[in-house]
Amino acid sequence: MKNLRPLQLFFACILTLTHSAAYAVSDPVKDLNIDRLVEDTMAAFHVPGIAVGVVKDGKLVFSKGYGVRELGQPGKVDANTLFAI
């Protein structure tokens, strides 16, 4: 069951970002506090790092990596980090 955590995190982020973006009035990326949302999600799911991408109208409008790829290792997550899901 431990292998399900990255998948659960992925869907939690997608659902949260989709839900939040639906209620944004102006620029959804600017209005969302994505950094805070990601930090809260990482803490809730106890993961060392994630990559986030926001797509609007078929265009990538935000991409950023958070945290590290592996606990105790210096390699940071970036927008192009691949995860085993």
PDB file of N, CA and C in Angstrom:
ATOM      1  N   MET A   1       0.802  -1.203   0.000  1.00  0.00           N
ATOM      2  CA  MET A   1       0.000   0.000   0.000  1.00  0.00           C
ATOM      3  C   MET A   1       0.848   1.274   0.000  1.00  0.00           C
ATOM      4  N   LYS A   2       2.098   1.177   0.431  1.00  0.00           N
ATOM      5  CA  LYS A   2       2.959   2.351   0.463  1.00  0.00           C
ATOM      6  C   LYS A   2       3.171   2.928  -0.936  1.00  0.00           C
ATOM      7  N   ASN A   3       3.111   2.081  -1.949  1.00  0.00           N
ATOM      8  CA  ASN A   3       3.303   2.539  -3.333  1.00  0.00           C
ATOM      9  C   ASN A   3       2.143   3.390  -3.832  1.00  0.00           C
ATOM     10  N   LEU A   4       1.024   3.368  -3.144  1.00  0.00           N
ATOM     11  CA  LEU A   4      -0.120   4.155  -3.584  1.00  0.00           C
ATOM     12  C   LEU A   4       0.014   5.639  -3.227  1.00  0.00           C
ATOM     13  N   ARG A   5       0.879   5.976  -2.307  1.00  0.00           N
ATOM     14  CA  ARG A   5       0.989   7.371  -1.875  1.00  0.00           C
ATOM     15  C   ARG A   5       1.289   8.345  -3.009  1.00  0.00           C
ATOM     16  N   PRO A   6       2.267   8.090  -3.889  1.00  0.00           N
ATOM     17  CA  PRO A   6       2.501   9.046  -4.974  1.00  0.00           C
ATOM     18  C   PRO A   6       1.270   9.211  -5.873  1.00  0.00           C
ATOM     19  N   LEU A   7       0.567   8.132  -6.125  1.00  0.00           N
ATOM     20  CA  LEU A   7      -0.621   8.207  -6.958  1.00  0.00           C
ATOM     21  C   LEU A   7      -1.717   9.001  -6.252  1.00  0.00           C
ATOM     22  N   GLN A   8      -1.900   8.760  -4.973  1.00  0.00           N
ATOM     23  CA  GLN A   8      -2.896   9.510  -4.206  1.00  0.00           C
ATOM     24  C   GLN A   8      -2.545  10.991  -4.186  1.00  0.00           C
ATOM     25  N   LEU A   9      -1.276  11.309  -4.008  1.00  0.00           N
ATOM     26  CA  LEU A   9      -0.830  12.695  -3.989  1.00  0.00           C
ATOM     27  C   LEU A   9      -1.093  13.360  -5.332  1.00  0.00           C
ATOM     28  N   PHE A  10      -0.781  12.651  -6.397  1.00  0.00           N
ATOM     29  CA  PHE A  10      -1.005  13.190  -7.738  1.00  0.00           C
ATOM     30  C   PHE A  10      -2.473  13.570  -7.929  1.00  0.00           C
ATOM     31  N   PHE A  11      -3.383  12.655  -7.600  1.00  0.00           N
ATOM     32  CA  PHE A  11      -4.807  12.933  -7.775  1.00  0.00           C
ATOM     33  C   PHE A  11      -5.306  14.006  -6.818  1.00  0.00           C
ATOM     34  N   ALA A  12      -4.770  14.049  -5.614  1.00  0.00           N
ATOM     35  CA  ALA A  12      -5.162  15.093  -4.660  1.00  0.00           C
ATOM     36  C   ALA A  12      -4.777  16.472  -5.193  1.00  0.00           C
ATOM     37  N   CYS A  13      -3.568  16.573  -5.749  1.00  0.00           N
ATOM     38  CA  CYS A  13      -3.122  17.855  -6.310  1.00  0.00           C
ATOM     39  C   CYS A  13      -3.970  18.259  -7.503  1.00  0.00           C
ATOM     40  N   ILE A  14      -4.237  17.315  -8.378  1.00  0.00           N
ATOM     41  CA  ILE A  14      -5.052  17.611  -9.567  1.00  0.00           C
ATOM     42  C   ILE A  14      -6.440  18.067  -9.164  1.00  0.00           C
ATOM     43  N   LEU A  15      -7.077  17.335  -8.250  1.00  0.00           N
ATOM     44  CA  LEU A  15      -8.419  17.698  -7.818  1.00  0.00           C
ATOM     45  C   LEU A  15      -8.434  19.045  -7.114  1.00  0.00           C
ATOM     46  N   THR A  16      -7.462  19.293  -6.268  1.00  0.00           N
ATOM     47  CA  THR A  16      -7.420  20.555  -5.542  1.00  0.00           C
ATOM     48  C   THR A  16      -7.175  21.721  -6.481  1.00  0.00           C
ATOM     49  N   LEU A  17      -6.222  21.579  -7.387  1.00  0.00           N
ATOM     50  CA  LEU A  17      -5.934  22.664  -8.323  1.00  0.00           C
ATOM     51  C   LEU A  17      -7.101  22.902  -9.274  1.00  0.00           C
ATOM     52  N   THR A  18      -7.740  21.840  -9.723  1.00  0.00           N
ATOM     53  CA  THR A  18      -8.894  21.974 -10.616  1.00  0.00           C
ATOM     54  C   THR A  18     -10.034  22.667  -9.900  1.00  0.00           C
ATOM     55  N   HIS A  19     -10.316  22.243  -8.679  1.00  0.00           N
ATOM     56  CA  HIS A  19     -11.387  22.841  -7.892  1.00  0.00           C
ATOM     57  C   HIS A  19     -11.101  24.313  -7.620  1.00  0.00           C
ATOM     58  N   SER A  20      -9.897  24.638  -7.223  1.00  0.00           N
ATOM     59  CA  SER A  20      -9.530  26.022  -6.913  1.00  0.00           C
ATOM     60  C   SER A  20      -9.570  26.896  -8.158  1.00  0.00           C
ATOM     61  N   ALA A  21      -9.085  26.377  -9.270  1.00  0.00           N
ATOM     62  CA  ALA A  21      -9.050  27.156 -10.507  1.00  0.00           C
ATOM     63  C   ALA A  21     -10.453  27.466 -11.015  1.00  0.00           C
ATOM     64  N   ALA A  22     -11.411  26.593 -10.745  1.00  0.00           N
ATOM     65  CA  ALA A  22     -12.770  26.796 -11.214  1.00  0.00           C
ATOM     66  C   ALA A  22     -13.407  28.020 -10.561  1.00  0.00           C
ATOM     67  N   TYR A  23     -12.960  28.410  -9.377  1.00  0.00           N
ATOM     68  CA  TYR A  23     -13.558  29.517  -8.658  1.00  0.00           C
ATOM     69  C   TYR A  23     -12.735  30.797  -8.716  1.00  0.00           C
ATOM     70  N   ALA A  24     -11.612  30.760  -9.391  1.00  0.00           N
ATOM     71  CA  ALA A  24     -10.785  31.958  -9.503  1.00  0.00           C
ATOM     72  C   ALA A  24     -11.431  32.928 -10.477  1.00  0.00           C
ATOM     73  N   VAL A  25     -11.421  34.222 -10.138  1.00  0.00           N
ATOM     74  CA  VAL A  25     -12.083  35.218 -10.964  1.00  0.00           C
ATOM     75  C   VAL A  25     -11.149  35.773 -12.016  1.00  0.00           C
ATOM     76  N   SER A  26      -9.935  36.131 -11.642  1.00  0.00           N
ATOM     77  CA  SER A  26      -9.007  36.679 -12.619  1.00  0.00           C
ATOM     78  C   SER A  26      -8.017  35.603 -13.051  1.00  0.00           C
ATOM     79  N   ASP A  27      -6.754  35.900 -13.000  1.00  0.00           N
ATOM     80  CA  ASP A  27      -5.713  34.955 -13.417  1.00  0.00           C
ATOM     81  C   ASP A  27      -5.615  33.825 -12.387  1.00  0.00           C
ATOM     82  N   PRO A  28      -6.032  32.595 -12.741  1.00  0.00           N
ATOM     83  CA  PRO A  28      -6.066  31.513 -11.747  1.00  0.00           C
ATOM     84  C   PRO A  28      -4.698  31.159 -11.176  1.00  0.00           C
ATOM     85  N   VAL A  29      -3.655  31.256 -11.975  1.00  0.00           N
ATOM     86  CA  VAL A  29      -2.324  30.914 -11.463  1.00  0.00           C
ATOM     87  C   VAL A  29      -1.844  31.985 -10.490  1.00  0.00           C
ATOM     88  N   LYS A  30      -2.069  33.221 -10.811  1.00  0.00           N
ATOM     89  CA  LYS A  30      -1.645  34.309  -9.936  1.00  0.00           C
ATOM     90  C   LYS A  30      -2.473  34.338  -8.653  1.00  0.00           C
ATOM     91  N   ASP A  31      -3.765  34.082  -8.749  1.00  0.00           N
ATOM     92  CA  ASP A  31      -4.659  34.161  -7.598  1.00  0.00           C
ATOM     93  C   ASP A  31      -4.504  32.980  -6.642  1.00  0.00           C
ATOM     94  N   LEU A  32      -4.126  31.821  -7.168  1.00  0.00           N
ATOM     95  CA  LEU A  32      -3.925  30.665  -6.305  1.00  0.00           C
ATOM     96  C   LEU A  32      -2.605  30.802  -5.572  1.00  0.00           C
ATOM     97  N   ASN A  33      -2.594  30.398  -4.353  1.00  0.00           N
ATOM     98  CA  ASN A  33      -1.336  30.365  -3.622  1.00  0.00           C
ATOM     99  C   ASN A  33      -0.795  28.949  -3.779  1.00  0.00           C
ATOM    100  N   ILE A  34      -0.257  28.658  -4.953  1.00  0.00           N
ATOM    101  CA  ILE A  34       0.164  27.303  -5.292  1.00  0.00           C
ATOM    102  C   ILE A  34       1.268  26.821  -4.361  1.00  0.00           C
ATOM    103  N   ASP A  35       2.209  27.694  -4.032  1.00  0.00           N
ATOM    104  CA  ASP A  35       3.292  27.282  -3.145  1.00  0.00           C
ATOM    105  C   ASP A  35       2.744  26.789  -1.807  1.00  0.00           C
ATOM    106  N   ARG A  36       1.826  27.526  -1.235  1.00  0.00           N
ATOM    107  CA  ARG A  36       1.232  27.135   0.057  1.00  0.00           C
ATOM    108  C   ARG A  36       0.431  25.847  -0.085  1.00  0.00           C
ATOM    109  N   LEU A  37      -0.344  25.729  -1.154  1.00  0.00           N
ATOM    110  CA  LEU A  37      -1.139  24.527  -1.402  1.00  0.00           C
ATOM    111  C   LEU A  37      -0.248  23.298  -1.526  1.00  0.00           C
ATOM    112  N   VAL A  38       0.855  23.427  -2.242  1.00  0.00           N
ATOM    113  CA  VAL A  38       1.778  22.314  -2.433  1.00  0.00           C
ATOM    114  C   VAL A  38       2.458  21.950  -1.109  1.00  0.00           C
ATOM    115  N   GLU A  39       2.895  22.941  -0.362  1.00  0.00           N
ATOM    116  CA  GLU A  39       3.527  22.663   0.932  1.00  0.00           C
ATOM    117  C   GLU A  39       2.569  21.927   1.872  1.00  0.00           C
ATOM    118  N   ASP A  40       1.313  22.367   1.922  1.00  0.00           N
ATOM    119  CA  ASP A  40       0.308  21.700   2.755  1.00  0.00           C
ATOM    120  C   ASP A  40       0.060  20.270   2.292  1.00  0.00           C
ATOM    121  N   THR A  41      -0.003  20.069   0.980  1.00  0.00           N
ATOM    122  CA  THR A  41      -0.236  18.733   0.419  1.00  0.00           C
ATOM    123  C   THR A  41       0.942  17.808   0.701  1.00  0.00           C
ATOM    124  N   MET A  42       2.161  18.319   0.548  1.00  0.00           N
ATOM    125  CA  MET A  42       3.341  17.509   0.836  1.00  0.00           C
ATOM    126  C   MET A  42       3.361  17.086   2.304  1.00  0.00           C
ATOM    127  N   ALA A  43       3.002  17.992   3.181  1.00  0.00           N
ATOM    128  CA  ALA A  43       2.979  17.673   4.620  1.00  0.00           C
ATOM    129  C   ALA A  43       1.883  16.646   4.922  1.00  0.00           C
ATOM    130  N   ALA A  44       0.730  16.796   4.296  1.00  0.00           N
ATOM    131  CA  ALA A  44      -0.383  15.878   4.554  1.00  0.00           C
ATOM    132  C   ALA A  44      -0.088  14.456   4.095  1.00  0.00           C
ATOM    133  N   PHE A  45       0.649  14.328   2.985  1.00  0.00           N
ATOM    134  CA  PHE A  45       0.934  13.004   2.438  1.00  0.00           C
ATOM    135  C   PHE A  45       2.344  12.509   2.771  1.00  0.00           C
ATOM    136  N   HIS A  46       3.110  13.310   3.518  1.00  0.00           N
ATOM    137  CA  HIS A  46       4.453  12.915   3.963  1.00  0.00           C
ATOM    138  C   HIS A  46       5.353  12.492   2.793  1.00  0.00           C
ATOM    139  N   VAL A  47       5.450  13.355   1.786  1.00  0.00           N
ATOM    140  CA  VAL A  47       6.309  13.077   0.639  1.00  0.00           C
ATOM    141  C   VAL A  47       7.442  14.103   0.599  1.00  0.00           C
ATOM    142  N   PRO A  48       8.614  13.716   0.113  1.00  0.00           N
ATOM    143  CA  PRO A  48       9.752  14.634   0.096  1.00  0.00           C
ATOM    144  C   PRO A  48       9.689  15.674  -1.020  1.00  0.00           C
ATOM    145  N   GLY A  49       8.956  15.413  -2.084  1.00  0.00           N
ATOM    146  CA  GLY A  49       8.896  16.372  -3.178  1.00  0.00           C
ATOM    147  C   GLY A  49       7.872  15.993  -4.218  1.00  0.00           C
ATOM    148  N   ILE A  50       7.413  16.988  -4.960  1.00  0.00           N
ATOM    149  CA  ILE A  50       6.470  16.760  -6.059  1.00  0.00           C
ATOM    150  C   ILE A  50       6.729  17.800  -7.152  1.00  0.00           C
ATOM    151  N   ALA A  51       6.227  17.522  -8.331  1.00  0.00           N
ATOM    152  CA  ALA A  51       6.251  18.477  -9.433  1.00  0.00           C
ATOM    153  C   ALA A  51       4.806  18.818  -9.772  1.00  0.00           C
ATOM    154  N   VAL A  52       4.551  20.083 -10.058  1.00  0.00           N
ATOM    155  CA  VAL A  52       3.195  20.544 -10.328  1.00  0.00           C
ATOM    156  C   VAL A  52       3.167  21.216 -11.694  1.00  0.00           C
ATOM    157  N   GLY A  53       2.147  20.900 -12.457  1.00  0.00           N
ATOM    158  CA  GLY A  53       1.908  21.568 -13.724  1.00  0.00           C
ATOM    159  C   GLY A  53       0.449  21.972 -13.795  1.00  0.00           C
ATOM    160  N   VAL A  54       0.183  23.193 -14.228  1.00  0.00           N
ATOM    161  CA  VAL A  54      -1.187  23.674 -14.389  1.00  0.00           C
ATOM    162  C   VAL A  54      -1.399  23.956 -15.869  1.00  0.00           C
ATOM    163  N   VAL A  55      -2.427  23.333 -16.427  1.00  0.00           N
ATOM    164  CA  VAL A  55      -2.764  23.506 -17.838  1.00  0.00           C
ATOM    165  C   VAL A  55      -4.112  24.206 -17.929  1.00  0.00           C
ATOM    166  N   LYS A  56      -4.159  25.275 -18.707  1.00  0.00           N
ATOM    167  CA  LYS A  56      -5.410  25.997 -18.916  1.00  0.00           C
ATOM    168  C   LYS A  56      -5.607  26.188 -20.411  1.00  0.00           C
ATOM    169  N   ASP A  57      -6.767  25.802 -20.881  1.00  0.00           N
ATOM    170  CA  ASP A  57      -7.092  25.925 -22.303  1.00  0.00           C
ATOM    171  C   ASP A  57      -6.040  25.268 -23.191  1.00  0.00           C
ATOM    172  N   GLY A  58      -5.525  24.120 -22.729  1.00  0.00           N
ATOM    173  CA  GLY A  58      -4.558  23.355 -23.501  1.00  0.00           C
ATOM    174  C   GLY A  58      -3.138  23.894 -23.466  1.00  0.00           C
ATOM    175  N   LYS A  59      -2.880  24.911 -22.638  1.00  0.00           N
ATOM    176  CA  LYS A  59      -1.540  25.499 -22.554  1.00  0.00           C
ATOM    177  C   LYS A  59      -1.004  25.379 -21.137  1.00  0.00           C
ATOM    178  N   LEU A  60       0.273  25.055 -21.040  1.00  0.00           N
ATOM    179  CA  LEU A  60       0.934  24.992 -19.747  1.00  0.00           C
ATOM    180  C   LEU A  60       1.133  26.415 -19.246  1.00  0.00           C
ATOM    181  N   VAL A  61       0.489  26.744 -18.113  1.00  0.00           N
ATOM    182  CA  VAL A  61       0.578  28.102 -17.591  1.00  0.00           C
ATOM    183  C   VAL A  61       1.426  28.173 -16.325  1.00  0.00           C
ATOM    184  N   PHE A  62       1.772  27.024 -15.744  1.00  0.00           N
ATOM    185  CA  PHE A  62       2.597  27.002 -14.542  1.00  0.00           C
ATOM    186  C   PHE A  62       3.243  25.639 -14.415  1.00  0.00           C
ATOM    187  N   SER A  63       4.533  25.617 -14.092  1.00  0.00           N
ATOM    188  CA  SER A  63       5.211  24.362 -13.784  1.00  0.00           C
ATOM    189  C   SER A  63       6.344  24.660 -12.816  1.00  0.00           C
ATOM    190  N   LYS A  64       6.436  23.833 -11.790  1.00  0.00           N
ATOM    191  CA  LYS A  64       7.459  24.060 -10.774  1.00  0.00           C
ATOM    192  C   LYS A  64       7.667  22.783  -9.973  1.00  0.00           C
ATOM    193  N   GLY A  65       8.887  22.572  -9.529  1.00  0.00           N
ATOM    194  CA  GLY A  65       9.200  21.450  -8.658  1.00  0.00           C
ATOM    195  C   GLY A  65       9.335  21.923  -7.226  1.00  0.00           C
ATOM    196  N   TYR A  66       8.984  21.032  -6.295  1.00  0.00           N
ATOM    197  CA  TYR A  66       9.038  21.343  -4.867  1.00  0.00           C
ATOM    198  C   TYR A  66       9.724  20.203  -4.132  1.00  0.00           C
ATOM    199  N   GLY A  67      10.595  20.539  -3.198  1.00  0.00           N
ATOM    200  CA  GLY A  67      11.226  19.536  -2.363  1.00  0.00           C
ATOM    201  C   GLY A  67      12.352  18.795  -3.052  1.00  0.00           C
ATOM    202  N   VAL A  68      12.618  17.579  -2.543  1.00  0.00           N
ATOM    203  CA  VAL A  68      13.706  16.756  -3.065  1.00  0.00           C
ATOM    204  C   VAL A  68      13.166  15.443  -3.617  1.00  0.00           C
ATOM    205  N   ARG A  69      13.970  14.817  -4.494  1.00  0.00           N
ATOM    206  CA  ARG A  69      13.557  13.556  -5.117  1.00  0.00           C
ATOM    207  C   ARG A  69      13.579  12.394  -4.145  1.00  0.00           C
ATOM    208  N   GLU A  70      14.505  12.452  -3.185  1.00  0.00           N
ATOM    209  CA  GLU A  70      14.645  11.353  -2.228  1.00  0.00           C
ATOM    210  C   GLU A  70      15.102  11.922  -0.890  1.00  0.00           C
ATOM    211  N   LEU A  71      14.462  11.463   0.192  1.00  0.00           N
ATOM    212  CA  LEU A  71      14.856  11.929   1.520  1.00  0.00           C
ATOM    213  C   LEU A  71      16.332  11.674   1.774  1.00  0.00           C
ATOM    214  N   GLY A  72      16.992  12.666   2.327  1.00  0.00           N
ATOM    215  CA  GLY A  72      18.404  12.533   2.666  1.00  0.00           C
ATOM    216  C   GLY A  72      19.343  12.748   1.498  1.00  0.00           C
ATOM    217  N   GLN A  73      18.808  13.021   0.336  1.00  0.00           N
ATOM    218  CA  GLN A  73      19.630  13.255  -0.854  1.00  0.00           C
ATOM    219  C   GLN A  73      19.443  14.703  -1.313  1.00  0.00           C
ATOM    220  N   PRO A  74      20.471  15.299  -1.920  1.00  0.00           N
ATOM    221  CA  PRO A  74      20.389  16.718  -2.291  1.00  0.00           C
ATOM    222  C   PRO A  74      19.624  17.008  -3.584  1.00  0.00           C
ATOM    223  N   GLY A  75      19.320  15.980  -4.382  1.00  0.00           N
ATOM    224  CA  GLY A  75      18.685  16.212  -5.688  1.00  0.00           C
ATOM    225  C   GLY A  75      17.299  16.814  -5.560  1.00  0.00           C
ATOM    226  N   LYS A  76      17.143  18.051  -6.039  1.00  0.00           N
ATOM    227  CA  LYS A  76      15.852  18.740  -5.948  1.00  0.00           C
ATOM    228  C   LYS A  76      14.922  18.324  -7.079  1.00  0.00           C
ATOM    229  N   VAL A  77      13.638  18.403  -6.808  1.00  0.00           N
ATOM    230  CA  VAL A  77      12.611  18.166  -7.818  1.00  0.00           C
ATOM    231  C   VAL A  77      12.513  19.424  -8.664  1.00  0.00           C
ATOM    232  N   ASP A  78      12.403  19.249  -9.985  1.00  0.00           N
ATOM    233  CA  ASP A  78      12.134  20.385 -10.857  1.00  0.00           C
ATOM    234  C   ASP A  78      10.916  20.054 -11.712  1.00  0.00           C
ATOM    235  N   ALA A  79      10.567  20.944 -12.599  1.00  0.00           N
ATOM    236  CA  ALA A  79       9.366  20.766 -13.414  1.00  0.00           C
ATOM    237  C   ALA A  79       9.478  19.564 -14.347  1.00  0.00           C
ATOM    238  N   ASN A  80      10.677  19.044 -14.579  1.00  0.00           N
ATOM    239  CA  ASN A  80      10.869  17.918 -15.496  1.00  0.00           C
ATOM    240  C   ASN A  80      11.186  16.611 -14.799  1.00  0.00           C
ATOM    241  N   THR A  81      11.128  16.561 -13.474  1.00  0.00           N
ATOM    242  CA  THR A  81      11.416  15.339 -12.737  1.00  0.00           C
ATOM    243  C   THR A  81      10.358  14.280 -13.046  1.00  0.00           C
ATOM    244  N   LEU A  82      10.815  13.082 -13.348  1.00  0.00           N
ATOM    245  CA  LEU A  82       9.892  11.971 -13.618  1.00  0.00           C
ATOM    246  C   LEU A  82       9.669  11.176 -12.339  1.00  0.00           C
ATOM    247  N   PHE A  83       8.426  10.779 -12.118  1.00  0.00           N
ATOM    248  CA  PHE A  83       8.060   9.989 -10.960  1.00  0.00           C
ATOM    249  C   PHE A  83       7.467   8.664 -11.403  1.00  0.00           C
ATOM    250  N   ALA A  84       7.705   7.615 -10.635  1.00  0.00           N
ATOM    251  CA  ALA A  84       7.094   6.314 -10.907  1.00  0.00           C
ATOM    252  C   ALA A  84       5.693   6.313 -10.329  1.00  0.00           C
ATOM    253  N   ILE A  85       4.711   6.339 -11.196  1.00  0.00           N
ATOM    254  CA  ILE A  85       3.312   6.340 -10.745  1.00  0.00           C
ATOM    255  C   ILE A  85       2.634   5.115 -11.301  1.00  0.00           C
TER     256      ILE A  85
END
